[in-house]
Amino acid sequence: MSAFEFFFSFYGLLLGLSVAELVAGFARVLHRRKAVRFGWLTPLLAVFVAVDIVTFWNQTWVIFRFAPFNMALLVVGLAVAAVFYVAASVTFPGHDTRDASTDLDDHFWAHRRTVFICVLIANLIIVAVFFANAALSGQMTKSMLSPVFWGGLVLFIGGTSIGAFARSRKIVIAALIVLVAYHGFNVARSAVSLIESGGWSFRAPDATPEAQG
């Protein structure tokens, strides 16, 4: 087992719990749909959190693929996954509200600050790890980060901060829509890249002549 496989067996499991909590939360309100006013803010927030968790799987491959085994990295993974779990656990109403009528838009306004702050903290931890390692390893000047990266970083930090702290409901809603659209843009870019590459083979690569001989 490589150092990355060992790290991801722990980190991926913890992130997976956040995904499971989001799905379970949606299932809870779906079972109580007659007593729940759905609205669209909480479901949109759940989409944002879910896709952001997915981006962390991608970031893990990019940032930690060649990292050595290190206790500090496990603690970083624990911190990131823990704040994501908190965000996921309050995105939908909990078990204690199953006997009461629920308005998901009201739930959004009551808990959006916690969710946005947790997502922001998780992302800032990874950003700090990325730039700290780039500086320590001398790769800062070699890292040719694109304007899309810097623009996306500013948009994400600004959007989540506005979502957490803005007083105007219209501004908070606008920030949430922009953040979901930003994630949608990145997913679309990845899909286009996959299509342009011609997809992938469903068969294992042919063995090399050396391996056959």
C-alpha atoms as a PDB file:
ATOM      1  CA  MET A   1       0.000   0.000   0.000  1.00  0.00           C
ATOM      2  CA  SER A   2       1.423   3.371  -1.007  1.00  0.00           C
ATOM      3  CA  ALA A   3       1.505   6.415   1.280  1.00  0.00           C
ATOM      4  CA  PHE A   4      -1.278   8.013  -0.773  1.00  0.00           C
ATOM      5  CA  GLU A   5      -3.467   4.911  -0.602  1.00  0.00           C
ATOM      6  CA  PHE A   6      -3.041   4.779   3.174  1.00  0.00           C
ATOM      7  CA  PHE A   7      -3.850   8.484   3.544  1.00  0.00           C
ATOM      8  CA  PHE A   8      -6.868   8.301   1.257  1.00  0.00           C
ATOM      9  CA  SER A   9      -8.270   5.210   2.960  1.00  0.00           C
ATOM     10  CA  PHE A  10      -8.697   7.425   6.033  1.00  0.00           C
ATOM     11  CA  TYR A  11      -9.490  10.762   4.383  1.00  0.00           C
ATOM     12  CA  GLY A  12     -11.866   9.347   1.791  1.00  0.00           C
ATOM     13  CA  LEU A  13     -13.801   7.446   4.428  1.00  0.00           C
ATOM     14  CA  LEU A  14     -14.337  10.599   6.475  1.00  0.00           C
ATOM     15  CA  LEU A  15     -15.408  12.639   3.432  1.00  0.00           C
ATOM     16  CA  GLY A  16     -17.749   9.816   2.473  1.00  0.00           C
ATOM     17  CA  LEU A  17     -19.519  10.216   5.814  1.00  0.00           C
ATOM     18  CA  SER A  18     -20.342  13.803   4.860  1.00  0.00           C
ATOM     19  CA  VAL A  19     -21.862  12.661   1.576  1.00  0.00           C
ATOM     20  CA  ALA A  20     -23.849  10.007   3.426  1.00  0.00           C
ATOM     21  CA  GLU A  21     -25.104  12.631   5.896  1.00  0.00           C
ATOM     22  CA  LEU A  22     -26.292  14.865   3.057  1.00  0.00           C
ATOM     23  CA  VAL A  23     -28.122  12.011   1.336  1.00  0.00           C
ATOM     24  CA  ALA A  24     -29.615  10.855   4.644  1.00  0.00           C
ATOM     25  CA  GLY A  25     -30.793  14.391   5.380  1.00  0.00           C
ATOM     26  CA  PHE A  26     -32.521  14.613   2.016  1.00  0.00           C
ATOM     27  CA  ALA A  27     -34.084  11.195   2.575  1.00  0.00           C
ATOM     28  CA  ARG A  28     -35.413  12.306   5.974  1.00  0.00           C
ATOM     29  CA  VAL A  29     -37.255  15.306   4.544  1.00  0.00           C
ATOM     30  CA  LEU A  30     -38.435  13.243   1.588  1.00  0.00           C
ATOM     31  CA  HIS A  31     -40.040  10.732   3.938  1.00  0.00           C
ATOM     32  CA  ARG A  32     -41.775  13.648   5.655  1.00  0.00           C
ATOM     33  CA  ARG A  33     -42.695  15.462   2.436  1.00  0.00           C
ATOM     34  CA  LYS A  34     -46.308  15.983   3.528  1.00  0.00           C
ATOM     35  CA  ALA A  35     -45.118  17.977   6.546  1.00  0.00           C
ATOM     36  CA  VAL A  36     -42.240  19.743   4.763  1.00  0.00           C
ATOM     37  CA  ARG A  37     -42.326  22.885   2.688  1.00  0.00           C
ATOM     38  CA  PHE A  38     -39.350  22.289   0.421  1.00  0.00           C
ATOM     39  CA  GLY A  39     -38.642  25.624  -1.212  1.00  0.00           C
ATOM     40  CA  TRP A  40     -35.393  25.702  -3.187  1.00  0.00           C
ATOM     41  CA  LEU A  41     -32.732  27.325  -0.980  1.00  0.00           C
ATOM     42  CA  THR A  42     -31.846  24.293   1.166  1.00  0.00           C
ATOM     43  CA  PRO A  43     -31.757  21.862  -1.804  1.00  0.00           C
ATOM     44  CA  LEU A  44     -29.537  24.328  -3.691  1.00  0.00           C
ATOM     45  CA  LEU A  45     -27.271  24.648  -0.656  1.00  0.00           C
ATOM     46  CA  ALA A  46     -27.094  20.838  -0.460  1.00  0.00           C
ATOM     47  CA  VAL A  47     -26.036  20.691  -4.123  1.00  0.00           C
ATOM     48  CA  PHE A  48     -23.328  23.262  -3.430  1.00  0.00           C
ATOM     49  CA  VAL A  49     -21.976  21.351  -0.419  1.00  0.00           C
ATOM     50  CA  ALA A  50     -22.122  17.989  -2.221  1.00  0.00           C
ATOM     51  CA  VAL A  51     -20.246  19.203  -5.293  1.00  0.00           C
ATOM     52  CA  ASP A  52     -17.701  20.980  -3.120  1.00  0.00           C
ATOM     53  CA  ILE A  53     -17.028  17.709  -1.302  1.00  0.00           C
ATOM     54  CA  VAL A  54     -16.497  16.066  -4.693  1.00  0.00           C
ATOM     55  CA  THR A  55     -13.912  18.720  -5.573  1.00  0.00           C
ATOM     56  CA  PHE A  56     -11.958  17.626  -2.513  1.00  0.00           C
ATOM     57  CA  TRP A  57     -11.552  14.155  -3.989  1.00  0.00           C
ATOM     58  CA  ASN A  58     -10.044  15.857  -7.043  1.00  0.00           C
ATOM     59  CA  GLN A  59      -7.850  18.126  -4.929  1.00  0.00           C
ATOM     60  CA  THR A  60      -6.643  15.130  -2.930  1.00  0.00           C
ATOM     61  CA  TRP A  61      -5.328  13.491  -6.096  1.00  0.00           C
ATOM     62  CA  VAL A  62      -3.631  16.700  -7.248  1.00  0.00           C
ATOM     63  CA  ILE A  63      -2.150  17.835  -3.931  1.00  0.00           C
ATOM     64  CA  PHE A  64      -1.477  14.643  -1.939  1.00  0.00           C
ATOM     65  CA  ARG A  65      -0.752  12.052  -4.643  1.00  0.00           C
ATOM     66  CA  PHE A  66       3.018  12.218  -4.094  1.00  0.00           C
ATOM     67  CA  ALA A  67       2.976  13.200  -0.413  1.00  0.00           C
ATOM     68  CA  PRO A  68       4.914  11.004   2.050  1.00  0.00           C
ATOM     69  CA  PHE A  69       3.272   9.262   4.969  1.00  0.00           C
ATOM     70  CA  ASN A  70       3.032  11.816   7.742  1.00  0.00           C
ATOM     71  CA  MET A  71       0.949  12.090  10.907  1.00  0.00           C
ATOM     72  CA  ALA A  72       0.399  15.813  10.344  1.00  0.00           C
ATOM     73  CA  LEU A  73      -1.267  15.138   6.993  1.00  0.00           C
ATOM     74  CA  LEU A  74      -3.683  12.729   8.663  1.00  0.00           C
ATOM     75  CA  VAL A  75      -4.606  15.456  11.140  1.00  0.00           C
ATOM     76  CA  VAL A  76      -5.139  17.888   8.250  1.00  0.00           C
ATOM     77  CA  GLY A  77      -7.419  15.341   6.609  1.00  0.00           C
ATOM     78  CA  LEU A  78      -9.307  14.890   9.874  1.00  0.00           C
ATOM     79  CA  ALA A  79      -9.787  18.651  10.265  1.00  0.00           C
ATOM     80  CA  VAL A  80     -11.066  19.102   6.709  1.00  0.00           C
ATOM     81  CA  ALA A  81     -13.419  16.136   6.892  1.00  0.00           C
ATOM     82  CA  ALA A  82     -14.692  17.149  10.332  1.00  0.00           C
ATOM     83  CA  VAL A  83     -15.778  20.643   9.312  1.00  0.00           C
ATOM     84  CA  PHE A  84     -17.374  19.221   6.161  1.00  0.00           C
ATOM     85  CA  TYR A  85     -19.314  16.746   8.270  1.00  0.00           C
ATOM     86  CA  VAL A  86     -20.629  19.576  10.432  1.00  0.00           C
ATOM     87  CA  ALA A  87     -21.716  21.445   7.294  1.00  0.00           C
ATOM     88  CA  ALA A  88     -23.416  18.355   5.890  1.00  0.00           C
ATOM     89  CA  SER A  89     -25.142  17.518   9.175  1.00  0.00           C
ATOM     90  CA  VAL A  90     -26.907  20.898   9.455  1.00  0.00           C
ATOM     91  CA  THR A  91     -27.750  21.395   5.779  1.00  0.00           C
ATOM     92  CA  PHE A  92     -31.008  19.490   6.284  1.00  0.00           C
ATOM     93  CA  PRO A  93     -33.119  19.334   9.485  1.00  0.00           C
ATOM     94  CA  GLY A  94     -32.025  16.689  11.986  1.00  0.00           C
ATOM     95  CA  HIS A  95     -33.827  13.711  13.491  1.00  0.00           C
ATOM     96  CA  ASP A  96     -35.247  15.793  16.341  1.00  0.00           C
ATOM     97  CA  THR A  97     -37.576  17.647  13.944  1.00  0.00           C
ATOM     98  CA  ARG A  98     -39.218  14.594  12.414  1.00  0.00           C
ATOM     99  CA  ASP A  99     -42.501  15.110  14.272  1.00  0.00           C
ATOM    100  CA  ALA A 100     -42.872  18.811  13.474  1.00  0.00           C
ATOM    101  CA  SER A 101     -43.753  20.647  10.292  1.00  0.00           C
ATOM    102  CA  THR A 102     -40.664  22.071   8.614  1.00  0.00           C
ATOM    103  CA  ASP A 103     -40.009  24.927   6.211  1.00  0.00           C
ATOM    104  CA  LEU A 104     -36.693  24.285   4.460  1.00  0.00           C
ATOM    105  CA  ASP A 105     -36.294  27.925   3.480  1.00  0.00           C
ATOM    106  CA  ASP A 106     -36.553  28.895   7.159  1.00  0.00           C
ATOM    107  CA  HIS A 107     -34.033  26.166   7.951  1.00  0.00           C
ATOM    108  CA  PHE A 108     -31.672  27.637   5.352  1.00  0.00           C
ATOM    109  CA  TRP A 109     -31.759  31.083   6.939  1.00  0.00           C
ATOM    110  CA  ALA A 110     -31.262  29.612  10.404  1.00  0.00           C
ATOM    111  CA  HIS A 111     -28.211  27.508   9.459  1.00  0.00           C
ATOM    112  CA  ARG A 112     -26.653  28.979   6.300  1.00  0.00           C
ATOM    113  CA  ARG A 113     -23.926  30.787   8.275  1.00  0.00           C
ATOM    114  CA  THR A 114     -22.696  27.544   9.852  1.00  0.00           C
ATOM    115  CA  VAL A 115     -22.669  25.741   6.506  1.00  0.00           C
ATOM    116  CA  PHE A 116     -20.872  28.496   4.592  1.00  0.00           C
ATOM    117  CA  ILE A 117     -18.296  29.047   7.331  1.00  0.00           C
ATOM    118  CA  CYS A 118     -17.506  25.318   7.545  1.00  0.00           C
ATOM    119  CA  VAL A 119     -17.099  25.035   3.775  1.00  0.00           C
ATOM    120  CA  LEU A 120     -14.916  28.147   3.766  1.00  0.00           C
ATOM    121  CA  ILE A 121     -12.705  26.800   6.580  1.00  0.00           C
ATOM    122  CA  ALA A 122     -12.229  23.453   4.811  1.00  0.00           C
ATOM    123  CA  ASN A 123     -11.177  25.181   1.603  1.00  0.00           C
ATOM    124  CA  LEU A 124      -8.848  27.615   3.380  1.00  0.00           C
ATOM    125  CA  ILE A 125      -7.099  24.686   5.093  1.00  0.00           C
ATOM    126  CA  ILE A 126      -6.396  23.040   1.740  1.00  0.00           C
ATOM    127  CA  VAL A 127      -5.322  26.338   0.166  1.00  0.00           C
ATOM    128  CA  ALA A 128      -2.920  26.894   3.075  1.00  0.00           C
ATOM    129  CA  VAL A 129      -1.477  23.375   2.700  1.00  0.00           C
ATOM    130  CA  PHE A 130      -1.046  23.858  -1.050  1.00  0.00           C
ATOM    131  CA  PHE A 131       0.807  27.176  -0.820  1.00  0.00           C
ATOM    132  CA  ALA A 132       2.846  26.160   2.233  1.00  0.00           C
ATOM    133  CA  ASN A 133       4.090  23.030   0.478  1.00  0.00           C
ATOM    134  CA  ALA A 134       4.743  24.958  -2.732  1.00  0.00           C
ATOM    135  CA  ALA A 135       6.882  27.435  -0.785  1.00  0.00           C
ATOM    136  CA  LEU A 136       8.746  24.795   1.261  1.00  0.00           C
ATOM    137  CA  SER A 137       9.483  22.609  -1.757  1.00  0.00           C
ATOM    138  CA  GLY A 138      10.589  25.510  -3.949  1.00  0.00           C
ATOM    139  CA  GLN A 139       7.767  24.953  -6.416  1.00  0.00           C
ATOM    140  CA  MET A 140       6.062  28.304  -5.911  1.00  0.00           C
ATOM    141  CA  THR A 141       7.807  29.929  -8.870  1.00  0.00           C
ATOM    142  CA  LYS A 142       7.370  26.810 -11.000  1.00  0.00           C
ATOM    143  CA  SER A 143       3.634  26.636 -10.410  1.00  0.00           C
ATOM    144  CA  MET A 144       2.084  28.446 -13.339  1.00  0.00           C
ATOM    145  CA  LEU A 145      -1.397  28.836 -11.943  1.00  0.00           C
ATOM    146  CA  SER A 146      -3.865  30.088 -14.510  1.00  0.00           C
ATOM    147  CA  PRO A 147      -6.039  33.204 -14.235  1.00  0.00           C
ATOM    148  CA  VAL A 148      -8.992  30.795 -13.954  1.00  0.00           C
ATOM    149  CA  PHE A 149      -7.482  29.423 -10.740  1.00  0.00           C
ATOM    150  CA  TRP A 150      -6.953  32.839  -9.172  1.00  0.00           C
ATOM    151  CA  GLY A 151     -10.325  34.121 -10.332  1.00  0.00           C
ATOM    152  CA  GLY A 152     -12.039  31.005  -9.012  1.00  0.00           C
ATOM    153  CA  LEU A 153     -10.240  31.284  -5.663  1.00  0.00           C
ATOM    154  CA  VAL A 154     -11.305  34.906  -5.200  1.00  0.00           C
ATOM    155  CA  LEU A 155     -14.858  34.129  -6.317  1.00  0.00           C
ATOM    156  CA  PHE A 156     -15.138  31.146  -3.976  1.00  0.00           C
ATOM    157  CA  ILE A 157     -13.731  32.869  -0.884  1.00  0.00           C
ATOM    158  CA  GLY A 158     -15.758  35.983  -1.587  1.00  0.00           C
ATOM    159  CA  GLY A 159     -18.943  34.031  -2.331  1.00  0.00           C
ATOM    160  CA  THR A 160     -18.812  31.850   0.774  1.00  0.00           C
ATOM    161  CA  SER A 161     -17.932  34.859   2.957  1.00  0.00           C
ATOM    162  CA  ILE A 162     -20.877  36.804   1.565  1.00  0.00           C
ATOM    163  CA  GLY A 163     -23.147  33.795   2.008  1.00  0.00           C
ATOM    164  CA  ALA A 164     -22.111  33.551   5.651  1.00  0.00           C
ATOM    165  CA  PHE A 165     -22.050  37.185   6.721  1.00  0.00           C
ATOM    166  CA  ALA A 166     -24.169  39.320   4.394  1.00  0.00           C
ATOM    167  CA  ARG A 167     -27.293  40.771   5.991  1.00  0.00           C
ATOM    168  CA  SER A 168     -29.298  41.167   2.797  1.00  0.00           C
ATOM    169  CA  ARG A 169     -31.206  38.027   1.851  1.00  0.00           C
ATOM    170  CA  LYS A 170     -31.052  38.946  -1.830  1.00  0.00           C
ATOM    171  CA  ILE A 171     -27.255  39.194  -1.689  1.00  0.00           C
ATOM    172  CA  VAL A 172     -26.965  35.851   0.124  1.00  0.00           C
ATOM    173  CA  ILE A 173     -29.191  34.169  -2.477  1.00  0.00           C
ATOM    174  CA  ALA A 174     -27.169  35.752  -5.295  1.00  0.00           C
ATOM    175  CA  ALA A 175     -23.926  34.481  -3.717  1.00  0.00           C
ATOM    176  CA  LEU A 176     -25.328  30.959  -3.438  1.00  0.00           C
ATOM    177  CA  ILE A 177     -26.448  30.970  -7.073  1.00  0.00           C
ATOM    178  CA  VAL A 178     -23.033  32.228  -8.207  1.00  0.00           C
ATOM    179  CA  LEU A 179     -21.248  29.532  -6.187  1.00  0.00           C
ATOM    180  CA  VAL A 180     -23.420  26.755  -7.620  1.00  0.00           C
ATOM    181  CA  ALA A 181     -22.904  28.170 -11.126  1.00  0.00           C
ATOM    182  CA  TYR A 182     -19.135  28.236 -10.520  1.00  0.00           C
ATOM    183  CA  HIS A 183     -19.155  24.568  -9.528  1.00  0.00           C
ATOM    184  CA  GLY A 184     -21.321  23.836 -12.563  1.00  0.00           C
ATOM    185  CA  PHE A 185     -18.789  25.625 -14.773  1.00  0.00           C
ATOM    186  CA  ASN A 186     -15.947  23.483 -13.419  1.00  0.00           C
ATOM    187  CA  VAL A 187     -17.937  20.272 -13.873  1.00  0.00           C
ATOM    188  CA  ALA A 188     -18.777  21.306 -17.442  1.00  0.00           C
ATOM    189  CA  ARG A 189     -15.089  22.015 -18.172  1.00  0.00           C
ATOM    190  CA  SER A 190     -14.180  18.550 -16.923  1.00  0.00           C
ATOM    191  CA  ALA A 191     -16.938  16.958 -19.020  1.00  0.00           C
ATOM    192  CA  VAL A 192     -15.759  18.790 -22.139  1.00  0.00           C
ATOM    193  CA  SER A 193     -12.191  17.646 -21.483  1.00  0.00           C
ATOM    194  CA  LEU A 194     -13.395  14.055 -21.138  1.00  0.00           C
ATOM    195  CA  ILE A 195     -15.375  14.257 -24.371  1.00  0.00           C
ATOM    196  CA  GLU A 196     -12.491  15.842 -26.272  1.00  0.00           C
ATOM    197  CA  SER A 197     -10.156  13.072 -25.111  1.00  0.00           C
ATOM    198  CA  GLY A 198     -12.447  10.500 -26.706  1.00  0.00           C
ATOM    199  CA  GLY A 199     -13.631   8.876 -23.480  1.00  0.00           C
ATOM    200  CA  TRP A 200     -11.871   5.806 -22.141  1.00  0.00           C
ATOM    201  CA  SER A 201     -11.561   2.146 -22.942  1.00  0.00           C
ATOM    202  CA  PHE A 202     -13.700  -0.453 -21.176  1.00  0.00           C
ATOM    203  CA  ARG A 203     -10.916  -3.000 -21.684  1.00  0.00           C
ATOM    204  CA  ALA A 204      -7.629  -3.310 -19.842  1.00  0.00           C
ATOM    205  CA  PRO A 205      -4.585  -2.012 -21.731  1.00  0.00           C
ATOM    206  CA  ASP A 206      -2.895  -4.650 -23.851  1.00  0.00           C
ATOM    207  CA  ALA A 207       0.173  -6.186 -22.290  1.00  0.00           C
ATOM    208  CA  THR A 208       3.521  -4.959 -23.601  1.00  0.00           C
ATOM    209  CA  PRO A 209       5.614  -7.308 -25.750  1.00  0.00           C
ATOM    210  CA  GLU A 210       8.094  -7.613 -22.874  1.00  0.00           C
ATOM    211  CA  ALA A 211       5.336  -8.750 -20.491  1.00  0.00           C
ATOM    212  CA  GLN A 212       4.009 -11.226 -23.077  1.00  0.00           C
ATOM    213  CA  GLY A 213       7.455 -12.675 -23.661  1.00  0.00           C
END
